[in-house]
Amino acid sequence: MKNLSILLVSGMLLIGGQAYSEGTQALLDRVSAPAQTPKAADSFNYSAYSAVNPLDIVARPNFYLNKNVKISGKFDKFSTLGLDYEPAMRSSEKYIAFLIQRPDVSDHNLPLSEMKCFLPREEAEKYIELNSGDRVEFYGTVFSNALGDVWVDVKKFNSLDKKPEGVK
């Protein structure tokens, strides 16, 4: 019985030592590997953002304050709405605002003006061809709830697809 216990303990130590050795070697391989510079597209941490319905954010701006959100919707228009407003300052020289359409209205275009989204001007210029109704998604941080509205700093913006021609 004593020999069996010694044999079991020896086996566990051997297995544990081998796992430790393999783990140490993997760590050494990673440390000694040449540093790779991440591609610009790969450096954005998409997993830090939670997909949220825009109507949920508008209904509970206090809950989403300082949270990272991912929003999909229909683009409405670029705007100056909310720019240069002191309590939630975003300069009109550096930013442009944009609105998305209300997802709960389908028979006509109605902007979700309770959500003010801010995009740096140089980034917005890449999307100057967007039309009302084009599908977009963006990642941002709710940085203010001034006036009871949602104010979002957009960190990443993507045009998903264009609205078909002739569709209102």
N, C-alpha and C. Protein backbone atom coordinates (compact mmCIF):
# COMPACT_ATOMS: atom_id res chain seq x y z
N MET A 1 0.82 -1.18 0.00
CA MET A 1 0.00 0.00 0.00
C MET A 1 0.87 1.26 0.00
N LYS A 2 1.95 1.19 0.81
CA LYS A 2 2.85 2.32 0.89
C LYS A 2 3.54 2.53 -0.46
N ASN A 3 3.91 1.46 -1.12
CA ASN A 3 4.55 1.55 -2.43
C ASN A 3 3.61 2.18 -3.47
N LEU A 4 2.33 1.83 -3.37
CA LEU A 4 1.33 2.39 -4.29
C LEU A 4 1.22 3.90 -4.08
N SER A 5 1.20 4.37 -2.86
CA SER A 5 1.13 5.80 -2.55
C SER A 5 2.35 6.53 -3.09
N ILE A 6 3.52 5.93 -2.90
CA ILE A 6 4.76 6.53 -3.40
C ILE A 6 4.73 6.60 -4.92
N LEU A 7 4.24 5.54 -5.53
CA LEU A 7 4.16 5.49 -6.98
C LEU A 7 3.20 6.57 -7.51
N LEU A 8 2.04 6.75 -6.86
CA LEU A 8 1.07 7.77 -7.26
C LEU A 8 1.64 9.17 -7.10
N VAL A 9 2.27 9.44 -5.98
CA VAL A 9 2.85 10.76 -5.74
C VAL A 9 3.96 11.03 -6.76
N SER A 10 4.79 10.04 -7.02
CA SER A 10 5.86 10.20 -8.01
C SER A 10 5.30 10.50 -9.38
N GLY A 11 4.23 9.80 -9.76
CA GLY A 11 3.59 10.03 -11.06
C GLY A 11 3.02 11.43 -11.17
N MET A 12 2.38 11.90 -10.10
CA MET A 12 1.80 13.25 -10.11
C MET A 12 2.90 14.30 -10.21
N LEU A 13 3.99 14.10 -9.49
CA LEU A 13 5.10 15.04 -9.56
C LEU A 13 5.70 15.05 -10.96
N LEU A 14 5.82 13.89 -11.56
CA LEU A 14 6.38 13.80 -12.90
C LEU A 14 5.48 14.52 -13.91
N ILE A 15 4.19 14.27 -13.83
CA ILE A 15 3.24 14.93 -14.74
C ILE A 15 3.22 16.43 -14.49
N GLY A 16 3.19 16.85 -13.24
CA GLY A 16 3.19 18.27 -12.90
C GLY A 16 4.46 18.96 -13.37
N GLY A 17 5.59 18.29 -13.19
CA GLY A 17 6.87 18.85 -13.63
C GLY A 17 6.92 19.00 -15.13
N GLN A 18 6.38 18.01 -15.84
CA GLN A 18 6.37 18.07 -17.30
C GLN A 18 5.47 19.22 -17.77
N ALA A 19 4.30 19.38 -17.16
CA ALA A 19 3.38 20.47 -17.53
C ALA A 19 4.03 21.81 -17.24
N TYR A 20 4.72 21.92 -16.10
CA TYR A 20 5.41 23.16 -15.75
C TYR A 20 6.48 23.47 -16.78
N SER A 21 7.24 22.42 -17.14
CA SER A 21 8.32 22.59 -18.12
C SER A 21 7.76 23.03 -19.47
N GLU A 22 6.66 22.41 -19.91
CA GLU A 22 6.06 22.78 -21.19
C GLU A 22 5.52 24.21 -21.14
N GLY A 23 4.91 24.59 -20.02
CA GLY A 23 4.40 25.95 -19.87
C GLY A 23 5.52 26.97 -19.87
N THR A 24 6.63 26.64 -19.21
CA THR A 24 7.78 27.53 -19.18
C THR A 24 8.37 27.68 -20.57
N GLN A 25 8.46 26.57 -21.31
CA GLN A 25 9.02 26.64 -22.65
C GLN A 25 8.14 27.48 -23.57
N ALA A 26 6.81 27.34 -23.46
CA ALA A 26 5.90 28.14 -24.28
C ALA A 26 6.07 29.62 -23.97
N LEU A 27 6.25 29.94 -22.68
CA LEU A 27 6.45 31.33 -22.28
C LEU A 27 7.77 31.86 -22.85
N LEU A 28 8.83 31.04 -22.76
CA LEU A 28 10.12 31.45 -23.31
C LEU A 28 10.04 31.64 -24.83
N ASP A 29 9.30 30.78 -25.51
CA ASP A 29 9.14 30.92 -26.96
C ASP A 29 8.47 32.25 -27.31
N ARG A 30 7.44 32.61 -26.54
CA ARG A 30 6.74 33.88 -26.80
C ARG A 30 7.63 35.08 -26.52
N VAL A 31 8.42 35.01 -25.44
CA VAL A 31 9.28 36.13 -25.08
C VAL A 31 10.40 36.30 -26.09
N SER A 32 10.96 35.19 -26.55
CA SER A 32 12.09 35.27 -27.46
C SER A 32 11.67 35.47 -28.92
N ALA A 33 10.40 35.32 -29.22
CA ALA A 33 9.92 35.53 -30.60
C ALA A 33 10.06 37.00 -30.96
N PRO A 34 10.36 37.30 -32.24
CA PRO A 34 10.49 38.70 -32.64
C PRO A 34 9.17 39.43 -32.47
N ALA A 35 9.28 40.66 -32.01
CA ALA A 35 8.07 41.46 -31.80
C ALA A 35 7.39 41.74 -33.13
N GLN A 36 6.07 41.60 -33.14
CA GLN A 36 5.31 41.88 -34.34
C GLN A 36 4.50 43.14 -34.11
N THR A 37 4.53 44.03 -35.05
CA THR A 37 3.73 45.23 -34.92
C THR A 37 2.33 44.92 -35.41
N PRO A 38 1.31 45.21 -34.61
CA PRO A 38 -0.06 44.90 -35.03
C PRO A 38 -0.47 45.80 -36.19
N LYS A 39 -1.27 45.25 -37.06
CA LYS A 39 -1.82 46.03 -38.16
C LYS A 39 -2.83 47.00 -37.59
N ALA A 40 -2.99 48.13 -38.24
CA ALA A 40 -3.91 49.15 -37.75
C ALA A 40 -5.31 48.58 -37.57
N ALA A 41 -5.76 47.76 -38.49
CA ALA A 41 -7.11 47.20 -38.40
C ALA A 41 -7.23 46.21 -37.24
N ASP A 42 -6.14 45.55 -36.89
CA ASP A 42 -6.17 44.55 -35.84
C ASP A 42 -6.06 45.16 -34.44
N SER A 43 -5.64 46.39 -34.33
CA SER A 43 -5.39 46.96 -33.02
C SER A 43 -6.65 47.41 -32.29
N PHE A 44 -7.77 47.48 -32.99
CA PHE A 44 -9.01 47.90 -32.33
C PHE A 44 -9.59 46.73 -31.56
N ASN A 45 -9.93 46.95 -30.30
CA ASN A 45 -10.44 45.89 -29.43
C ASN A 45 -11.97 45.83 -29.52
N TYR A 46 -12.48 45.11 -30.50
CA TYR A 46 -13.92 45.00 -30.71
C TYR A 46 -14.63 44.36 -29.51
N SER A 47 -13.96 43.46 -28.83
CA SER A 47 -14.60 42.74 -27.72
C SER A 47 -14.88 43.65 -26.51
N ALA A 48 -14.31 44.83 -26.49
CA ALA A 48 -14.55 45.75 -25.37
C ALA A 48 -15.88 46.49 -25.51
N TYR A 49 -16.61 46.24 -26.60
CA TYR A 49 -17.84 46.95 -26.89
C TYR A 49 -19.02 45.98 -26.92
N SER A 50 -20.11 46.37 -26.28
CA SER A 50 -21.31 45.54 -26.23
C SER A 50 -22.34 46.04 -27.23
N ALA A 51 -22.90 45.12 -28.02
CA ALA A 51 -23.95 45.48 -28.97
C ALA A 51 -25.20 45.90 -28.20
N VAL A 52 -25.72 47.06 -28.55
CA VAL A 52 -26.86 47.62 -27.82
C VAL A 52 -27.86 48.20 -28.82
N ASN A 53 -29.13 48.03 -28.53
CA ASN A 53 -30.19 48.64 -29.33
C ASN A 53 -30.19 50.14 -29.01
N PRO A 54 -30.16 50.99 -30.04
CA PRO A 54 -30.11 52.44 -29.78
C PRO A 54 -31.28 52.95 -28.94
N LEU A 55 -32.45 52.32 -29.05
CA LEU A 55 -33.59 52.76 -28.25
C LEU A 55 -33.39 52.45 -26.77
N ASP A 56 -32.66 51.37 -26.46
CA ASP A 56 -32.35 51.05 -25.07
C ASP A 56 -31.43 52.11 -24.47
N ILE A 57 -30.45 52.56 -25.24
CA ILE A 57 -29.53 53.58 -24.75
C ILE A 57 -30.27 54.88 -24.50
N VAL A 58 -31.13 55.27 -25.42
CA VAL A 58 -31.88 56.52 -25.29
C VAL A 58 -32.82 56.45 -24.09
N ALA A 59 -33.38 55.28 -23.83
CA ALA A 59 -34.30 55.13 -22.70
C ALA A 59 -33.58 55.18 -21.35
N ARG A 60 -32.28 54.79 -21.34
CA ARG A 60 -31.54 54.74 -20.08
C ARG A 60 -30.14 55.34 -20.23
N PRO A 61 -30.06 56.65 -20.50
CA PRO A 61 -28.73 57.24 -20.72
C PRO A 61 -27.83 57.16 -19.48
N ASN A 62 -28.38 57.23 -18.29
CA ASN A 62 -27.56 57.15 -17.08
C ASN A 62 -26.90 55.78 -16.94
N PHE A 63 -27.63 54.74 -17.30
CA PHE A 63 -27.10 53.38 -17.20
C PHE A 63 -25.91 53.18 -18.13
N TYR A 64 -25.96 53.76 -19.31
CA TYR A 64 -24.91 53.56 -20.31
C TYR A 64 -23.76 54.56 -20.22
N LEU A 65 -23.84 55.51 -19.30
CA LEU A 65 -22.79 56.51 -19.15
C LEU A 65 -21.44 55.84 -18.89
N ASN A 66 -20.43 56.23 -19.66
CA ASN A 66 -19.05 55.71 -19.59
C ASN A 66 -18.92 54.25 -20.03
N LYS A 67 -19.91 53.75 -20.76
CA LYS A 67 -19.84 52.37 -21.25
C LYS A 67 -19.51 52.37 -22.73
N ASN A 68 -18.83 51.31 -23.16
CA ASN A 68 -18.49 51.11 -24.56
C ASN A 68 -19.64 50.36 -25.24
N VAL A 69 -20.12 50.93 -26.33
CA VAL A 69 -21.28 50.35 -27.02
C VAL A 69 -21.01 50.16 -28.51
N LYS A 70 -21.67 49.17 -29.06
CA LYS A 70 -21.67 48.94 -30.51
C LYS A 70 -23.10 49.13 -30.97
N ILE A 71 -23.28 49.97 -31.98
CA ILE A 71 -24.63 50.28 -32.46
C ILE A 71 -24.69 50.07 -33.96
N SER A 72 -25.73 49.41 -34.42
CA SER A 72 -26.00 49.25 -35.84
C SER A 72 -27.31 49.96 -36.14
N GLY A 73 -27.37 50.56 -37.30
CA GLY A 73 -28.60 51.26 -37.67
C GLY A 73 -28.52 51.84 -39.06
N LYS A 74 -29.53 52.62 -39.39
CA LYS A 74 -29.56 53.31 -40.68
C LYS A 74 -29.08 54.73 -40.47
N PHE A 75 -28.10 55.10 -41.27
CA PHE A 75 -27.56 56.46 -41.24
C PHE A 75 -28.68 57.43 -41.63
N ASP A 76 -28.75 58.59 -40.94
CA ASP A 76 -29.71 59.61 -41.33
C ASP A 76 -29.00 60.77 -42.02
N LYS A 77 -28.09 61.44 -41.27
CA LYS A 77 -27.36 62.57 -41.87
C LYS A 77 -26.24 63.03 -40.95
N PHE A 78 -25.28 63.73 -41.56
CA PHE A 78 -24.29 64.45 -40.77
C PHE A 78 -24.95 65.73 -40.31
N SER A 79 -24.52 66.25 -39.16
CA SER A 79 -25.20 67.37 -38.55
C SER A 79 -24.23 68.17 -37.68
N THR A 80 -24.66 69.34 -37.28
CA THR A 80 -23.90 70.11 -36.30
C THR A 80 -24.59 70.06 -34.93
N LEU A 81 -25.61 69.21 -34.81
CA LEU A 81 -26.38 69.09 -33.58
C LEU A 81 -25.48 68.72 -32.40
N GLY A 82 -25.51 69.53 -31.37
CA GLY A 82 -24.76 69.25 -30.15
C GLY A 82 -23.33 69.74 -30.13
N LEU A 83 -22.81 70.15 -31.26
CA LEU A 83 -21.43 70.62 -31.28
C LEU A 83 -21.30 71.95 -30.54
N ASP A 84 -20.18 72.15 -29.87
CA ASP A 84 -19.86 73.37 -29.13
C ASP A 84 -20.80 73.62 -27.95
N TYR A 85 -21.50 72.61 -27.47
CA TYR A 85 -22.37 72.73 -26.30
C TYR A 85 -21.51 72.48 -25.06
N GLU A 86 -21.37 73.49 -24.22
CA GLU A 86 -20.43 73.47 -23.09
C GLU A 86 -20.50 72.23 -22.19
N PRO A 87 -21.67 71.80 -21.70
CA PRO A 87 -21.66 70.65 -20.77
C PRO A 87 -21.13 69.34 -21.37
N ALA A 88 -21.16 69.22 -22.69
CA ALA A 88 -20.66 68.00 -23.34
C ALA A 88 -19.82 68.43 -24.54
N MET A 89 -18.79 69.19 -24.29
CA MET A 89 -18.05 69.89 -25.34
C MET A 89 -17.36 68.97 -26.34
N ARG A 90 -17.73 69.15 -27.59
CA ARG A 90 -17.03 68.59 -28.74
C ARG A 90 -16.97 69.73 -29.75
N SER A 91 -15.77 70.13 -30.10
CA SER A 91 -15.54 71.29 -30.95
C SER A 91 -15.99 71.05 -32.39
N SER A 92 -16.67 72.02 -32.95
CA SER A 92 -17.10 71.92 -34.35
C SER A 92 -15.91 72.00 -35.31
N GLU A 93 -14.77 72.44 -34.82
CA GLU A 93 -13.57 72.47 -35.65
C GLU A 93 -12.96 71.08 -35.82
N LYS A 94 -13.15 70.21 -34.82
CA LYS A 94 -12.53 68.90 -34.84
C LYS A 94 -13.51 67.75 -35.11
N TYR A 95 -14.79 67.97 -34.84
CA TYR A 95 -15.78 66.91 -34.93
C TYR A 95 -16.95 67.29 -35.81
N ILE A 96 -17.64 66.27 -36.27
CA ILE A 96 -18.94 66.43 -36.93
C ILE A 96 -19.87 65.42 -36.25
N ALA A 97 -21.09 65.83 -36.06
CA ALA A 97 -22.07 64.92 -35.47
C ALA A 97 -22.80 64.19 -36.59
N PHE A 98 -23.37 63.07 -36.25
CA PHE A 98 -24.24 62.39 -37.20
C PHE A 98 -25.39 61.77 -36.43
N LEU A 99 -26.46 61.54 -37.14
CA LEU A 99 -27.66 60.94 -36.56
C LEU A 99 -27.97 59.65 -37.30
N ILE A 100 -28.56 58.72 -36.58
CA ILE A 100 -29.10 57.52 -37.22
C ILE A 100 -30.61 57.63 -37.16
N GLN A 101 -31.28 56.81 -37.94
CA GLN A 101 -32.74 56.83 -37.95
C GLN A 101 -33.29 56.01 -36.79
N ARG A 102 -34.47 56.40 -36.35
CA ARG A 102 -35.15 55.64 -35.29
C ARG A 102 -35.48 54.25 -35.83
N PRO A 103 -35.06 53.20 -35.13
CA PRO A 103 -35.35 51.85 -35.62
C PRO A 103 -36.82 51.43 -35.45
N ASP A 104 -37.57 52.19 -34.66
CA ASP A 104 -38.97 51.83 -34.42
C ASP A 104 -39.93 52.52 -35.38
N VAL A 105 -39.42 53.26 -36.36
CA VAL A 105 -40.26 53.93 -37.36
C VAL A 105 -39.81 53.43 -38.73
N SER A 106 -40.75 52.82 -39.47
CA SER A 106 -40.35 52.27 -40.77
C SER A 106 -41.07 52.91 -41.96
N ASP A 107 -42.15 53.65 -41.71
CA ASP A 107 -42.89 54.20 -42.85
C ASP A 107 -42.35 55.54 -43.34
N HIS A 108 -41.44 56.15 -42.58
CA HIS A 108 -40.75 57.37 -43.03
C HIS A 108 -39.45 57.52 -42.24
N ASN A 109 -38.61 58.44 -42.67
CA ASN A 109 -37.32 58.67 -42.02
C ASN A 109 -37.48 59.63 -40.86
N LEU A 110 -37.09 59.19 -39.69
CA LEU A 110 -37.15 60.03 -38.50
C LEU A 110 -35.84 59.85 -37.73
N PRO A 111 -35.06 60.94 -37.58
CA PRO A 111 -33.77 60.80 -36.89
C PRO A 111 -33.95 60.55 -35.39
N LEU A 112 -33.03 59.82 -34.83
CA LEU A 112 -32.98 59.57 -33.40
C LEU A 112 -32.16 60.70 -32.78
N SER A 113 -32.77 61.86 -32.67
CA SER A 113 -32.05 63.07 -32.24
C SER A 113 -31.67 63.06 -30.76
N GLU A 114 -32.19 62.11 -30.01
CA GLU A 114 -31.81 62.00 -28.59
C GLU A 114 -30.43 61.37 -28.42
N MET A 115 -29.86 60.89 -29.53
CA MET A 115 -28.51 60.33 -29.50
C MET A 115 -27.62 61.17 -30.39
N LYS A 116 -26.65 61.83 -29.77
CA LYS A 116 -25.71 62.66 -30.50
C LYS A 116 -24.40 61.90 -30.62
N CYS A 117 -24.03 61.59 -31.84
CA CYS A 117 -22.82 60.80 -32.10
C CYS A 117 -21.77 61.70 -32.74
N PHE A 118 -20.54 61.65 -32.23
CA PHE A 118 -19.48 62.54 -32.70
C PHE A 118 -18.35 61.75 -33.32
N LEU A 119 -17.98 62.15 -34.52
CA LEU A 119 -16.94 61.50 -35.28
C LEU A 119 -15.90 62.56 -35.64
N PRO A 120 -14.60 62.25 -35.48
CA PRO A 120 -13.59 63.23 -35.91
C PRO A 120 -13.79 63.57 -37.39
N ARG A 121 -13.63 64.83 -37.72
CA ARG A 121 -13.89 65.29 -39.09
C ARG A 121 -13.10 64.52 -40.14
N GLU A 122 -11.81 64.25 -39.86
CA GLU A 122 -11.01 63.55 -40.87
C GLU A 122 -11.54 62.14 -41.13
N GLU A 123 -12.13 61.51 -40.14
CA GLU A 123 -12.75 60.19 -40.33
C GLU A 123 -14.07 60.34 -41.09
N ALA A 124 -14.85 61.34 -40.73
CA ALA A 124 -16.15 61.56 -41.39
C ALA A 124 -16.00 61.83 -42.88
N GLU A 125 -14.90 62.47 -43.26
CA GLU A 125 -14.67 62.78 -44.68
C GLU A 125 -14.57 61.52 -45.54
N LYS A 126 -14.21 60.39 -44.93
CA LYS A 126 -14.14 59.13 -45.67
C LYS A 126 -15.53 58.61 -46.04
N TYR A 127 -16.56 59.13 -45.38
CA TYR A 127 -17.92 58.63 -45.56
C TYR A 127 -18.86 59.70 -46.11
N ILE A 128 -18.32 60.66 -46.81
CA ILE A 128 -19.10 61.77 -47.32
C ILE A 128 -20.19 61.31 -48.29
N GLU A 129 -20.02 60.15 -48.91
CA GLU A 129 -20.97 59.62 -49.89
C GLU A 129 -22.16 58.90 -49.26
N LEU A 130 -22.21 58.82 -47.93
CA LEU A 130 -23.34 58.14 -47.28
C LEU A 130 -24.65 58.85 -47.57
N ASN A 131 -25.68 58.06 -47.75
CA ASN A 131 -27.02 58.61 -47.95
C ASN A 131 -27.94 58.17 -46.83
N SER A 132 -28.98 58.90 -46.61
CA SER A 132 -29.97 58.55 -45.62
C SER A 132 -30.52 57.16 -45.93
N GLY A 133 -30.47 56.27 -44.95
CA GLY A 133 -30.96 54.91 -45.12
C GLY A 133 -29.86 53.88 -45.30
N ASP A 134 -28.62 54.32 -45.57
CA ASP A 134 -27.50 53.38 -45.68
C ASP A 134 -27.25 52.76 -44.30
N ARG A 135 -26.94 51.47 -44.28
CA ARG A 135 -26.70 50.78 -43.01
C ARG A 135 -25.27 51.03 -42.54
N VAL A 136 -25.15 51.36 -41.25
CA VAL A 136 -23.85 51.63 -40.63
C VAL A 136 -23.77 50.92 -39.29
N GLU A 137 -22.55 50.78 -38.81
CA GLU A 137 -22.34 50.34 -37.44
C GLU A 137 -21.19 51.17 -36.89
N PHE A 138 -21.25 51.42 -35.60
CA PHE A 138 -20.17 52.17 -34.99
C PHE A 138 -19.96 51.73 -33.56
N TYR A 139 -18.73 51.96 -33.11
CA TYR A 139 -18.30 51.60 -31.77
C TYR A 139 -17.92 52.89 -31.08
N GLY A 140 -18.42 53.08 -29.87
CA GLY A 140 -18.09 54.30 -29.17
C GLY A 140 -18.35 54.21 -27.68
N THR A 141 -18.05 55.32 -27.01
CA THR A 141 -18.22 55.42 -25.57
C THR A 141 -19.23 56.51 -25.27
N VAL A 142 -20.22 56.19 -24.44
CA VAL A 142 -21.18 57.20 -24.00
C VAL A 142 -20.45 58.08 -22.99
N PHE A 143 -20.19 59.33 -23.38
CA PHE A 143 -19.37 60.19 -22.52
C PHE A 143 -20.18 61.22 -21.74
N SER A 144 -21.46 61.38 -22.08
CA SER A 144 -22.28 62.36 -21.35
C SER A 144 -23.75 61.98 -21.46
N ASN A 145 -24.52 62.50 -20.50
CA ASN A 145 -25.96 62.37 -20.55
C ASN A 145 -26.60 63.75 -20.37
N ALA A 146 -25.91 64.78 -20.84
CA ALA A 146 -26.41 66.16 -20.75
C ALA A 146 -27.78 66.26 -21.43
N LEU A 147 -28.64 67.04 -20.85
CA LEU A 147 -30.01 67.24 -21.34
C LEU A 147 -30.83 65.96 -21.33
N GLY A 148 -30.35 64.92 -20.64
CA GLY A 148 -31.06 63.64 -20.61
C GLY A 148 -30.88 62.85 -21.89
N ASP A 149 -29.98 63.30 -22.77
CA ASP A 149 -29.71 62.63 -24.03
C ASP A 149 -28.43 61.80 -23.93
N VAL A 150 -28.18 61.03 -24.96
CA VAL A 150 -26.99 60.20 -25.04
C VAL A 150 -25.98 60.89 -25.96
N TRP A 151 -24.75 61.04 -25.48
CA TRP A 151 -23.67 61.68 -26.24
C TRP A 151 -22.57 60.64 -26.40
N VAL A 152 -22.26 60.28 -27.65
CA VAL A 152 -21.34 59.17 -27.92
C VAL A 152 -20.12 59.66 -28.69
N ASP A 153 -18.94 59.35 -28.15
CA ASP A 153 -17.67 59.54 -28.86
C ASP A 153 -17.46 58.29 -29.70
N VAL A 154 -17.50 58.43 -31.01
CA VAL A 154 -17.35 57.28 -31.90
C VAL A 154 -15.86 57.00 -32.12
N LYS A 155 -15.47 55.77 -31.84
CA LYS A 155 -14.08 55.34 -31.98
C LYS A 155 -13.84 54.62 -33.30
N LYS A 156 -14.86 53.93 -33.80
CA LYS A 156 -14.74 53.16 -35.04
C LYS A 156 -16.08 53.24 -35.76
N PHE A 157 -16.04 53.51 -37.06
CA PHE A 157 -17.25 53.69 -37.86
C PHE A 157 -17.12 52.84 -39.12
N ASN A 158 -18.18 52.11 -39.46
CA ASN A 158 -18.18 51.27 -40.66
C ASN A 158 -19.46 51.47 -41.44
N SER A 159 -19.33 51.59 -42.74
CA SER A 159 -20.48 51.59 -43.63
C SER A 159 -20.72 50.14 -44.03
N LEU A 160 -21.92 49.62 -43.73
CA LEU A 160 -22.19 48.21 -43.99
C LEU A 160 -22.70 47.97 -45.41
N ASP A 161 -23.74 48.68 -45.80
CA ASP A 161 -24.24 48.56 -47.16
C ASP A 161 -25.12 49.75 -47.50
N LYS A 162 -25.18 49.98 -48.79
CA LYS A 162 -25.95 51.11 -49.30
C LYS A 162 -27.41 50.74 -49.42
N LYS A 163 -28.26 51.75 -49.23
CA LYS A 163 -29.69 51.56 -49.44
C LYS A 163 -29.90 51.36 -50.94
N PRO A 164 -30.73 50.39 -51.33
CA PRO A 164 -30.96 50.18 -52.77
C PRO A 164 -31.55 51.43 -53.42
N GLU A 165 -31.14 51.68 -54.65
CA GLU A 165 -31.64 52.82 -55.42
C GLU A 165 -33.16 52.74 -55.56
N GLY A 166 -33.83 53.88 -55.46
CA GLY A 166 -35.27 53.95 -55.64
C GLY A 166 -36.08 53.58 -54.42
N VAL A 167 -35.45 53.12 -53.33
CA VAL A 167 -36.15 52.77 -52.10
C VAL A 167 -36.15 53.99 -51.20
N LYS A 168 -37.33 54.32 -50.69
CA LYS A 168 -37.42 55.48 -49.80
C LYS A 168 -37.29 55.08 -48.36
